[in-house]
């Protein structure tokens, strides 16, 4: 494929009202497509007495019921809008909110996916002259790794497909090919830094200048670096860019160089933020609800993502006037109510990721006899063999103090073998690191 000189989409730099009118035209096209081709939505429109010709504005979406993950699980085949023989790629979700769901993509959908990542990488400052090392899996029915490859190929950048894990192979590849950008989960950066330090690799003088990150927050809600982001930055002064995406959206929100939230692509997705099933104003935290645009195989209408965040419509200094999404605060089903305090697991991760003696961890939640949440942190230490039982108790006390200082409450803490925790973090069938286990019924 020849290098594509596609520029930034002009619509992203238009005034908010122009963007809204553009999206409303796209919405009417999407509704007509669903009414003609989607068994699930055609049935919904009839049962709910919805006249799609009256849905003309973004605000009119409130008259349409939400689509939830359970609908995808129960009626998966009814969401398919094309004959099966037109499907090119089959993908499954990671199953964060229950059983995984299969998504089917046509050739047009794969081209849309490439376009999405192309403009998202451009937003994050990646150029056709760059070489990007992909440190996420490209197999196991995972959309993200494939999307990065397609987007970088469209952009014309160099691609090094290493996949996830194996710090030794990552450094061997960096030293051989000299990429300037890595695509990875941010906590894995700490793993490759640790490997470099233990094996005499001067990582600060390596070719890597930028990391485009997925899956974990790098920033607080005010867009300053969180503890994980700051820990990486203190060790390795490279440019850090967060992205937010999901299989259901088939769309990415990427940070520009300003680092003030993930930019919206108006031609690909419509966004709403809801609380108690009502749309809230910008700046208010709620659940992101999305309507995909231009998807041919399995488009979604008012799909509840389960992700809690807020949006900002203030124009960005980069020149874009699209809305921006905040870092994800947590999953709505992962909300914890512990000792009178409401928290999401990422607040716990933030403390653990910035504690020097913690090697790895699992956060587990279960209901106690009173029907309340019990939160247990099972952690592996970096030097367990040389730590006495008395010192382990002192470590637990010190870590509880860290939690109280950050989130006002301290969970139960248990010390486990770090290798046993590692196996829980990376089970054979998982494509993402597992940090949270919800045993509530």
Protein backbone atom coordinates (compact mmCIF):
# COMPACT_ATOMS: atom_id res chain seq x y z
CA UNK A 1 0.00 0.00 0.00
CA UNK A 2 1.37 3.39 -0.95
CA UNK A 3 1.90 5.98 1.74
CA UNK A 4 -1.36 7.79 2.40
CA UNK A 5 -1.08 11.57 2.73
CA UNK A 6 -4.46 11.92 4.42
CA UNK A 7 -4.58 15.12 6.45
CA UNK A 8 -6.44 15.76 9.67
CA UNK A 9 -10.22 15.56 9.11
CA UNK A 10 -11.49 19.10 8.50
CA UNK A 11 -14.68 18.48 10.49
CA UNK A 12 -12.64 18.25 13.72
CA UNK A 13 -11.65 21.92 13.34
CA UNK A 14 -15.13 23.25 12.53
CA UNK A 15 -17.31 25.13 15.06
CA UNK A 16 -19.38 23.01 17.45
CA UNK A 17 -22.66 23.84 15.71
CA UNK A 18 -21.26 22.74 12.34
CA UNK A 19 -20.07 19.47 13.91
CA UNK A 20 -23.53 18.93 15.42
CA UNK A 21 -25.33 19.45 12.08
CA UNK A 22 -22.83 17.11 10.40
CA UNK A 23 -23.48 14.42 13.00
CA UNK A 24 -27.25 14.78 12.75
CA UNK A 25 -27.09 14.09 9.02
CA UNK A 26 -24.94 11.03 9.74
CA UNK A 27 -27.41 9.92 12.43
CA UNK A 28 -30.35 9.92 10.01
CA UNK A 29 -28.31 7.81 7.57
CA UNK A 30 -27.43 5.37 10.37
CA UNK A 31 -31.06 5.05 11.51
CA UNK A 32 -32.25 4.35 7.96
CA UNK A 33 -29.55 1.69 7.59
CA UNK A 34 -30.55 0.01 10.86
CA UNK A 35 -34.25 0.06 9.99
CA UNK A 36 -33.49 -1.69 6.71
CA UNK A 37 -30.75 -4.14 7.70
CA UNK A 38 -30.71 -4.85 11.45
CA UNK A 39 -33.13 -7.53 12.76
CA UNK A 40 -32.56 -6.34 16.33
CA UNK A 41 -33.20 -2.63 15.73
CA UNK A 42 -35.98 -3.20 13.19
CA UNK A 43 -37.79 -5.19 15.90
CA UNK A 44 -37.06 -2.51 18.52
CA UNK A 45 -38.44 0.28 16.33
CA UNK A 46 -41.69 -1.66 15.87
CA UNK A 47 -42.09 -2.75 19.50
CA UNK A 48 -41.27 0.71 20.88
CA UNK A 49 -43.35 2.54 18.22
CA UNK A 50 -40.36 4.61 17.10
CA UNK A 51 -40.72 6.63 13.91
CA UNK A 52 -37.09 7.14 12.91
CA UNK A 53 -38.03 9.99 10.55
CA UNK A 54 -38.79 12.06 13.64
CA UNK A 55 -35.28 11.52 15.09
CA UNK A 56 -33.64 14.53 13.49
CA UNK A 57 -31.42 15.96 16.22
CA UNK A 58 -28.92 14.53 18.70
CA UNK A 59 -31.31 15.48 21.50
CA UNK A 60 -34.00 13.26 19.93
CA UNK A 61 -31.95 10.17 20.75
CA UNK A 62 -33.53 10.25 24.20
CA UNK A 63 -36.67 8.74 22.63
CA UNK A 64 -34.76 5.57 21.71
CA UNK A 65 -34.09 2.87 24.33
CA UNK A 66 -30.52 2.03 25.28
CA UNK A 67 -28.72 -1.01 23.91
CA UNK A 68 -26.94 -2.93 26.66
CA UNK A 69 -24.26 -5.59 26.76
CA UNK A 70 -26.87 -8.20 27.69
CA UNK A 71 -28.68 -7.52 24.41
CA UNK A 72 -25.49 -8.29 22.51
CA UNK A 73 -25.02 -11.46 24.53
CA UNK A 74 -28.58 -12.74 24.08
CA UNK A 75 -29.32 -11.57 20.53
CA UNK A 76 -25.82 -11.51 19.09
CA UNK A 77 -26.77 -12.75 15.60
CA UNK A 78 -29.67 -10.30 15.33
CA UNK A 79 -27.23 -7.37 15.32
CA UNK A 80 -25.62 -8.57 12.08
CA UNK A 81 -26.68 -6.38 9.14
CA UNK A 82 -25.03 -8.24 6.25
CA UNK A 83 -25.00 -11.83 4.96
CA UNK A 84 -22.46 -14.00 6.74
CA UNK A 85 -20.46 -14.55 3.56
CA UNK A 86 -19.57 -10.85 3.55
CA UNK A 87 -17.81 -11.08 6.89
CA UNK A 88 -14.02 -10.77 6.64
CA UNK A 89 -12.95 -10.80 10.29
CA UNK A 90 -14.51 -12.20 13.47
CA UNK A 91 -13.62 -10.48 16.75
CA UNK A 92 -14.64 -11.03 20.35
CA UNK A 93 -14.78 -8.55 23.20
CA UNK A 94 -12.60 -9.12 26.25
CA UNK A 95 -15.60 -9.95 28.44
CA UNK A 96 -15.00 -7.21 31.03
CA UNK A 97 -18.73 -7.03 31.85
CA UNK A 98 -19.62 -10.71 31.43
CA UNK A 99 -19.46 -13.27 28.64
CA UNK A 100 -17.53 -12.14 25.55
CA UNK A 101 -19.50 -11.03 22.50
CA UNK A 102 -18.63 -11.80 18.89
CA UNK A 103 -18.34 -8.91 16.46
CA UNK A 104 -18.24 -9.39 12.71
CA UNK A 105 -16.49 -6.95 10.40
CA UNK A 106 -16.84 -6.48 6.67
CA UNK A 107 -14.18 -5.20 4.30
CA UNK A 108 -15.72 -1.74 4.64
CA UNK A 109 -15.52 -2.01 8.44
CA UNK A 110 -11.83 -2.90 8.28
CA UNK A 111 -11.22 0.14 6.07
CA UNK A 112 -13.12 2.26 8.60
CA UNK A 113 -11.00 0.76 11.39
CA UNK A 114 -7.83 1.64 9.48
CA UNK A 115 -9.07 5.20 8.94
CA UNK A 116 -9.94 5.54 12.63
CA UNK A 117 -6.46 4.50 13.78
CA UNK A 118 -4.79 6.49 11.01
CA UNK A 119 -6.31 9.77 12.19
CA UNK A 120 -5.90 8.77 15.86
CA UNK A 121 -2.17 8.15 15.44
CA UNK A 122 -1.92 11.47 13.60
CA UNK A 123 -3.67 13.13 16.54
CA UNK A 124 -1.09 11.58 18.90
CA UNK A 125 1.72 13.00 16.78
CA UNK A 126 2.76 9.83 14.93
CA UNK A 127 4.06 10.60 11.43
CA UNK A 128 4.60 8.48 8.28
CA UNK A 129 8.35 8.69 8.91
CA UNK A 130 8.02 7.05 12.35
CA UNK A 131 8.61 3.40 13.22
CA UNK A 132 6.15 1.99 15.78
CA UNK A 133 6.73 -1.17 17.83
CA UNK A 134 3.37 -2.78 18.66
CA UNK A 135 3.53 -4.38 22.13
CA UNK A 136 -0.05 -5.70 22.10
CA UNK A 137 -1.34 -8.98 20.74
CA UNK A 138 -2.41 -9.17 17.10
CA UNK A 139 -4.12 -12.55 17.53
CA UNK A 140 -6.65 -14.19 19.91
CA UNK A 141 -9.58 -12.47 18.13
CA UNK A 142 -8.39 -9.11 19.55
CA UNK A 143 -9.47 -5.99 17.63
CA UNK A 144 -6.91 -3.52 18.98
CA UNK A 145 -3.68 -5.06 17.67
CA UNK A 146 -5.19 -5.52 14.20
CA UNK A 147 -6.52 -1.95 14.29
CA UNK A 148 -3.08 -0.52 15.11
CA UNK A 149 -1.49 -2.46 12.27
CA UNK A 150 -4.13 -1.33 9.76
CA UNK A 151 -3.96 2.28 10.90
CA UNK A 152 -0.18 2.49 10.81
CA UNK A 153 -0.12 0.80 7.40
CA UNK A 154 -2.62 3.38 6.12
CA UNK A 155 -0.53 6.16 7.62
CA UNK A 156 2.60 4.77 5.98
CA UNK A 157 4.57 4.42 9.21
CA UNK A 158 7.00 1.57 9.83
CA UNK A 159 5.54 -1.27 11.92
CA UNK A 160 7.28 -3.79 14.17
CA UNK A 161 4.85 -6.53 15.27
CA UNK A 162 6.34 -7.94 18.47
CA UNK A 163 3.16 -8.58 20.45
CA UNK A 164 2.69 -8.43 24.21
CA UNK A 165 5.06 -9.48 26.99
CA UNK A 166 8.63 -10.82 26.78
CA UNK A 167 10.75 -7.78 27.77
CA UNK A 168 13.91 -9.47 26.41
CA UNK A 169 12.39 -9.70 22.93
CA UNK A 170 11.11 -6.12 23.15
CA UNK A 171 14.61 -4.80 23.89
CA UNK A 172 16.25 -7.04 21.30
CA UNK A 173 13.84 -5.60 18.72
CA UNK A 174 14.37 -2.01 19.86
CA UNK A 175 18.13 -2.43 19.59
CA UNK A 176 17.93 -4.10 16.17
CA UNK A 177 15.31 -1.97 14.40
CA UNK A 178 15.44 1.29 16.41
CA UNK A 179 11.73 2.26 16.45
CA UNK A 180 10.98 5.68 17.92
CA UNK A 181 7.46 4.88 19.20
CA UNK A 182 5.95 2.05 21.24
CA UNK A 183 2.27 1.07 21.43
CA UNK A 184 1.51 -0.65 24.74
CA UNK A 185 -0.27 -0.86 28.09
CA UNK A 186 1.46 1.78 30.28
CA UNK A 187 2.23 -0.52 33.22
CA UNK A 188 4.20 -2.71 30.79
CA UNK A 189 6.57 0.24 30.31
CA UNK A 190 7.60 -0.21 33.94
CA UNK A 191 8.27 -3.89 33.21
CA UNK A 192 10.59 -3.15 30.31
CA UNK A 193 12.31 -0.43 32.35
CA UNK A 194 12.88 -2.93 35.14
CA UNK A 195 14.29 -5.48 32.68
CA UNK A 196 16.59 -2.84 31.22
CA UNK A 197 17.88 -1.85 34.65
CA UNK A 198 18.53 -5.47 35.62
CA UNK A 199 20.32 -6.26 32.37
CA UNK A 200 22.49 -3.20 31.89
CA UNK A 201 20.44 -1.64 29.07
CA UNK A 202 20.70 2.16 28.93
CA UNK A 203 17.04 2.65 28.06
CA UNK A 204 17.26 6.44 28.38
CA UNK A 205 19.59 6.50 25.38
CA UNK A 206 17.46 4.12 23.30
CA UNK A 207 15.67 5.13 20.11
CA UNK A 208 12.27 5.33 21.87
CA UNK A 209 10.89 8.86 22.16
CA UNK A 210 7.11 8.30 22.43
CA UNK A 211 4.62 5.83 23.92
CA UNK A 212 1.01 5.63 22.74
CA UNK A 213 -0.83 3.82 25.53
CA UNK A 214 -4.03 1.80 25.95
CA UNK A 215 -5.99 0.10 28.69
CA UNK A 216 -4.87 2.10 31.74
CA UNK A 217 -5.09 5.74 32.77
CA UNK A 218 -2.03 7.94 32.66
CA UNK A 219 -3.79 11.05 33.94
CA UNK A 220 -6.01 12.38 36.70
CA UNK A 221 -9.32 14.05 35.92
CA UNK A 222 -7.53 17.42 35.68
CA UNK A 223 -5.22 15.85 33.05
CA UNK A 224 -2.10 15.99 35.20
CA UNK A 225 -0.14 12.74 35.23
CA UNK A 226 -1.44 10.24 37.77
CA UNK A 227 0.91 8.17 39.93
CA UNK A 228 1.50 5.58 37.18
CA UNK A 229 2.13 8.24 34.55
CA UNK A 230 4.46 10.18 36.83
CA UNK A 231 6.34 7.04 37.80
CA UNK A 232 7.00 6.29 34.12
CA UNK A 233 7.94 9.92 33.39
CA UNK A 234 10.36 10.09 36.33
CA UNK A 235 12.15 6.98 35.08
CA UNK A 236 12.00 7.60 31.33
CA UNK A 237 11.36 11.07 29.92
CA UNK A 238 9.45 10.05 26.79
CA UNK A 239 6.27 11.57 25.38
CA UNK A 240 3.19 9.81 26.78
CA UNK A 241 -0.17 9.73 24.97
CA UNK A 242 -3.32 8.04 26.29
CA UNK A 243 -5.95 6.51 24.04
CA UNK A 244 -9.41 5.16 24.85
CA UNK A 245 -11.33 2.68 22.71
CA UNK A 246 -13.42 -0.48 22.79
CA UNK A 247 -14.46 -3.23 20.40
CA UNK A 248 -18.08 -2.07 20.46
CA UNK A 249 -17.11 1.47 19.44
CA UNK A 250 -14.55 0.48 16.79
CA UNK A 251 -13.38 4.05 17.37
CA UNK A 252 -10.47 5.59 19.27
CA UNK A 253 -10.24 8.75 21.37
CA UNK A 254 -6.58 9.81 21.26
CA UNK A 255 -4.78 12.59 23.06
CA UNK A 256 -3.07 15.27 21.01
CA UNK A 257 0.19 16.84 22.15
CA UNK A 258 -1.75 19.03 24.59
CA UNK A 259 -2.63 15.95 26.69
CA UNK A 260 -6.05 17.31 27.68
CA UNK A 261 -8.32 14.36 26.91
CA UNK A 262 -9.15 12.01 24.06
CA UNK A 263 -10.41 13.74 20.91
CA UNK A 264 -13.74 12.75 19.37
CA UNK A 265 -13.99 11.78 15.68
CA UNK A 266 -17.42 13.18 14.63
CA UNK A 267 -17.59 11.17 11.41
CA UNK A 268 -17.26 7.87 13.31
CA UNK A 269 -19.30 8.06 16.49
CA UNK A 270 -21.99 9.99 18.41
CA UNK A 271 -21.46 10.30 22.17
CA UNK A 272 -23.78 10.91 25.10
CA UNK A 273 -23.01 10.83 28.82
CA UNK A 274 -25.82 9.66 31.09
CA UNK A 275 -26.60 9.42 34.79
CA UNK A 276 -29.73 7.63 35.99
CA UNK A 277 -30.52 7.13 32.27
CA UNK A 278 -30.67 10.88 31.63
CA UNK A 279 -28.17 12.83 29.55
CA UNK A 280 -25.96 15.08 31.69
CA UNK A 281 -24.10 18.27 30.87
CA UNK A 282 -20.41 18.46 30.12
CA UNK A 283 -18.13 18.12 33.11
CA UNK A 284 -20.54 15.78 34.92
CA UNK A 285 -19.32 12.21 35.35
CA UNK A 286 -21.62 9.58 33.88
CA UNK A 287 -21.71 6.51 31.68
CA UNK A 288 -20.62 6.92 28.08
CA UNK A 289 -23.30 5.94 25.55
CA UNK A 290 -22.30 5.64 21.89
CA UNK A 291 -23.90 5.37 18.47
CA UNK A 292 -21.53 4.15 15.77
CA UNK A 293 -21.47 5.81 12.36
CA UNK A 294 -20.39 4.15 9.14
CA UNK A 295 -20.26 0.62 10.56
CA UNK A 296 -21.64 -1.94 8.09
CA UNK A 297 -21.48 -5.31 9.86
CA UNK A 298 -22.75 -4.70 13.41
CA UNK A 299 -23.58 -1.03 14.04
CA UNK A 300 -24.84 -0.01 17.48
CA UNK A 301 -27.41 2.57 18.56
CA UNK A 302 -27.28 4.17 22.01
CA UNK A 303 -25.01 1.45 23.39
CA UNK A 304 -24.12 1.71 27.09
CA UNK A 305 -20.35 1.21 27.26
CA UNK A 306 -20.16 0.79 31.04
CA UNK A 307 -17.32 3.34 31.19
CA UNK A 308 -17.64 6.28 33.59
CA UNK A 309 -16.17 9.57 32.40
CA UNK A 310 -16.98 13.18 31.57
CA UNK A 311 -16.71 15.26 28.42
CA UNK A 312 -15.43 18.73 27.64
CA UNK A 313 -16.50 20.84 24.68
CA UNK A 314 -14.01 23.68 25.17
CA UNK A 315 -11.89 24.08 22.02
CA UNK A 316 -8.42 22.57 22.37
CA UNK A 317 -5.22 24.56 21.88
CA UNK A 318 -4.36 22.13 19.06
CA UNK A 319 -7.15 23.78 17.03
CA UNK A 320 -9.70 20.97 17.22
CA UNK A 321 -13.18 21.91 18.35
CA UNK A 322 -14.45 18.39 18.90
CA UNK A 323 -15.49 17.20 22.34
CA UNK A 324 -12.86 15.50 24.46
CA UNK A 325 -13.34 12.61 26.91
CA UNK A 326 -11.73 12.54 30.33
CA UNK A 327 -9.72 9.59 31.64
CA UNK A 328 -12.08 6.70 32.46
CA UNK A 329 -12.85 6.75 36.17
CA UNK A 330 -13.96 3.12 36.19
CA UNK A 331 -16.51 0.61 34.98
CA UNK A 332 -20.04 1.19 36.22
CA UNK A 333 -20.37 -2.46 37.31
CA UNK A 334 -17.06 -2.24 39.20
CA UNK A 335 -18.21 0.52 41.56
CA UNK A 336 -17.18 -0.34 45.13
CA UNK A 337 -18.91 0.85 48.27
CA UNK A 338 -16.43 0.20 51.02
CA UNK A 339 -16.69 1.47 54.59
CA UNK A 340 -18.96 4.29 53.52
CA UNK A 341 -16.72 5.38 50.65
CA UNK A 342 -17.54 5.02 46.96
CA UNK A 343 -14.48 4.14 44.86
CA UNK A 344 -13.55 2.58 41.54
CA UNK A 345 -10.70 0.04 41.27
CA UNK A 346 -8.37 2.41 39.31
CA UNK A 347 -8.04 4.51 42.48
CA UNK A 348 -6.57 1.42 44.19
CA UNK A 349 -4.32 0.68 41.22
CA UNK A 350 -2.95 4.20 41.37
CA UNK A 351 -1.65 3.63 44.91
CA UNK A 352 -0.29 0.15 44.20
CA UNK A 353 1.44 1.15 40.95
CA UNK A 354 3.34 3.86 42.81
CA UNK A 355 4.46 1.73 45.77
CA UNK A 356 8.09 0.69 45.27
CA UNK A 357 7.99 -2.66 47.07
CA UNK A 358 4.87 -3.97 45.25
CA UNK A 359 5.81 -6.37 42.44
CA UNK A 360 2.26 -7.15 41.28
CA UNK A 361 -1.27 -7.43 42.62
CA UNK A 362 -4.88 -8.52 42.24
CA UNK A 363 -7.80 -6.56 43.69
CA UNK A 364 -10.63 -8.87 44.68
CA UNK A 365 -14.11 -7.86 45.86
CA UNK A 366 -16.78 -10.04 47.42
CA UNK A 367 -19.91 -9.57 49.50
CA UNK A 368 -19.67 -10.07 53.27
CA UNK A 369 -22.40 -11.50 55.51
CA UNK A 370 -23.96 -8.06 55.83
CA UNK A 371 -24.28 -7.70 52.06
CA UNK A 372 -21.54 -5.05 51.87
CA UNK A 373 -18.41 -5.06 49.73
CA UNK A 374 -15.20 -6.52 51.10
CA UNK A 375 -12.11 -5.43 49.20
CA UNK A 376 -8.95 -7.54 49.37
CA UNK A 377 -5.64 -6.59 47.80
CA UNK A 378 -3.48 -9.63 47.13
CA UNK A 379 0.02 -8.43 46.37
CA UNK A 380 3.39 -9.91 45.54
CA UNK A 381 6.49 -8.23 46.96
CA UNK A 382 9.70 -7.59 45.09
CA UNK A 383 11.93 -9.31 47.67
CA UNK A 384 9.71 -11.64 49.66
CA UNK A 385 12.50 -14.12 50.49
CA UNK A 386 14.43 -11.55 52.50
CA UNK A 387 11.47 -10.08 54.37
CA UNK A 388 10.57 -11.51 57.76
CA UNK A 389 7.00 -12.02 58.92
CA UNK A 390 7.32 -9.04 61.29
CA UNK A 391 8.51 -6.83 58.43
CA UNK A 392 5.67 -8.06 56.24
CA UNK A 393 3.22 -6.81 58.85
CA UNK A 394 4.99 -3.44 58.88
CA UNK A 395 4.73 -3.32 55.08
CA UNK A 396 0.99 -4.03 55.26
CA UNK A 397 0.55 -1.24 57.83
CA UNK A 398 2.55 1.20 55.69
CA UNK A 399 0.56 0.34 52.58
CA UNK A 400 -2.73 0.81 54.44
CA UNK A 401 -1.52 4.29 55.42
CA UNK A 402 -0.86 5.01 51.74
CA UNK A 403 -4.42 3.99 50.87
CA UNK A 404 -5.92 6.12 53.65
CA UNK A 405 -3.93 9.14 52.49
CA UNK A 406 -5.15 8.72 48.91
CA UNK A 407 -8.74 7.38 49.18
CA UNK A 408 -9.52 7.71 52.94
CA UNK A 409 -10.04 3.97 53.49
CA UNK A 410 -7.72 0.97 53.54
CA UNK A 411 -8.67 -2.43 52.05
CA UNK A 412 -7.65 -5.77 53.46
CA UNK A 413 -4.12 -6.63 52.33
CA UNK A 414 -2.59 -10.06 51.87
CA UNK A 415 0.94 -10.94 50.78
CA UNK A 416 1.19 -13.76 48.23
CA UNK A 417 3.87 -15.31 46.07
CA UNK A 418 4.53 -12.91 43.19
CA UNK A 419 4.66 -15.73 40.62
CA UNK A 420 1.20 -16.92 41.69
CA UNK A 421 -0.12 -13.37 41.29
CA UNK A 422 1.57 -13.12 37.88
CA UNK A 423 -0.35 -16.18 36.67
CA UNK A 424 -3.58 -14.51 37.73
CA UNK A 425 -2.58 -11.28 35.97
CA UNK A 426 -1.90 -13.08 32.70
CA UNK A 427 -4.09 -16.19 32.35
CA UNK A 428 -3.68 -18.16 29.13
CA UNK A 429 -6.93 -17.01 27.50
CA UNK A 430 -6.62 -13.34 28.46
CA UNK A 431 -5.53 -10.62 26.03
CA UNK A 432 -5.26 -7.92 28.70
CA UNK A 433 -3.66 -7.94 32.13
CA UNK A 434 -6.19 -8.90 34.85
CA UNK A 435 -6.08 -6.71 37.95
CA UNK A 436 -9.65 -6.95 39.23
CA UNK A 437 -11.73 -9.98 40.21
CA UNK A 438 -15.38 -9.35 41.10
CA UNK A 439 -16.81 -12.22 43.14
CA UNK A 440 -20.04 -10.42 44.05
CA UNK A 441 -23.21 -12.18 42.98
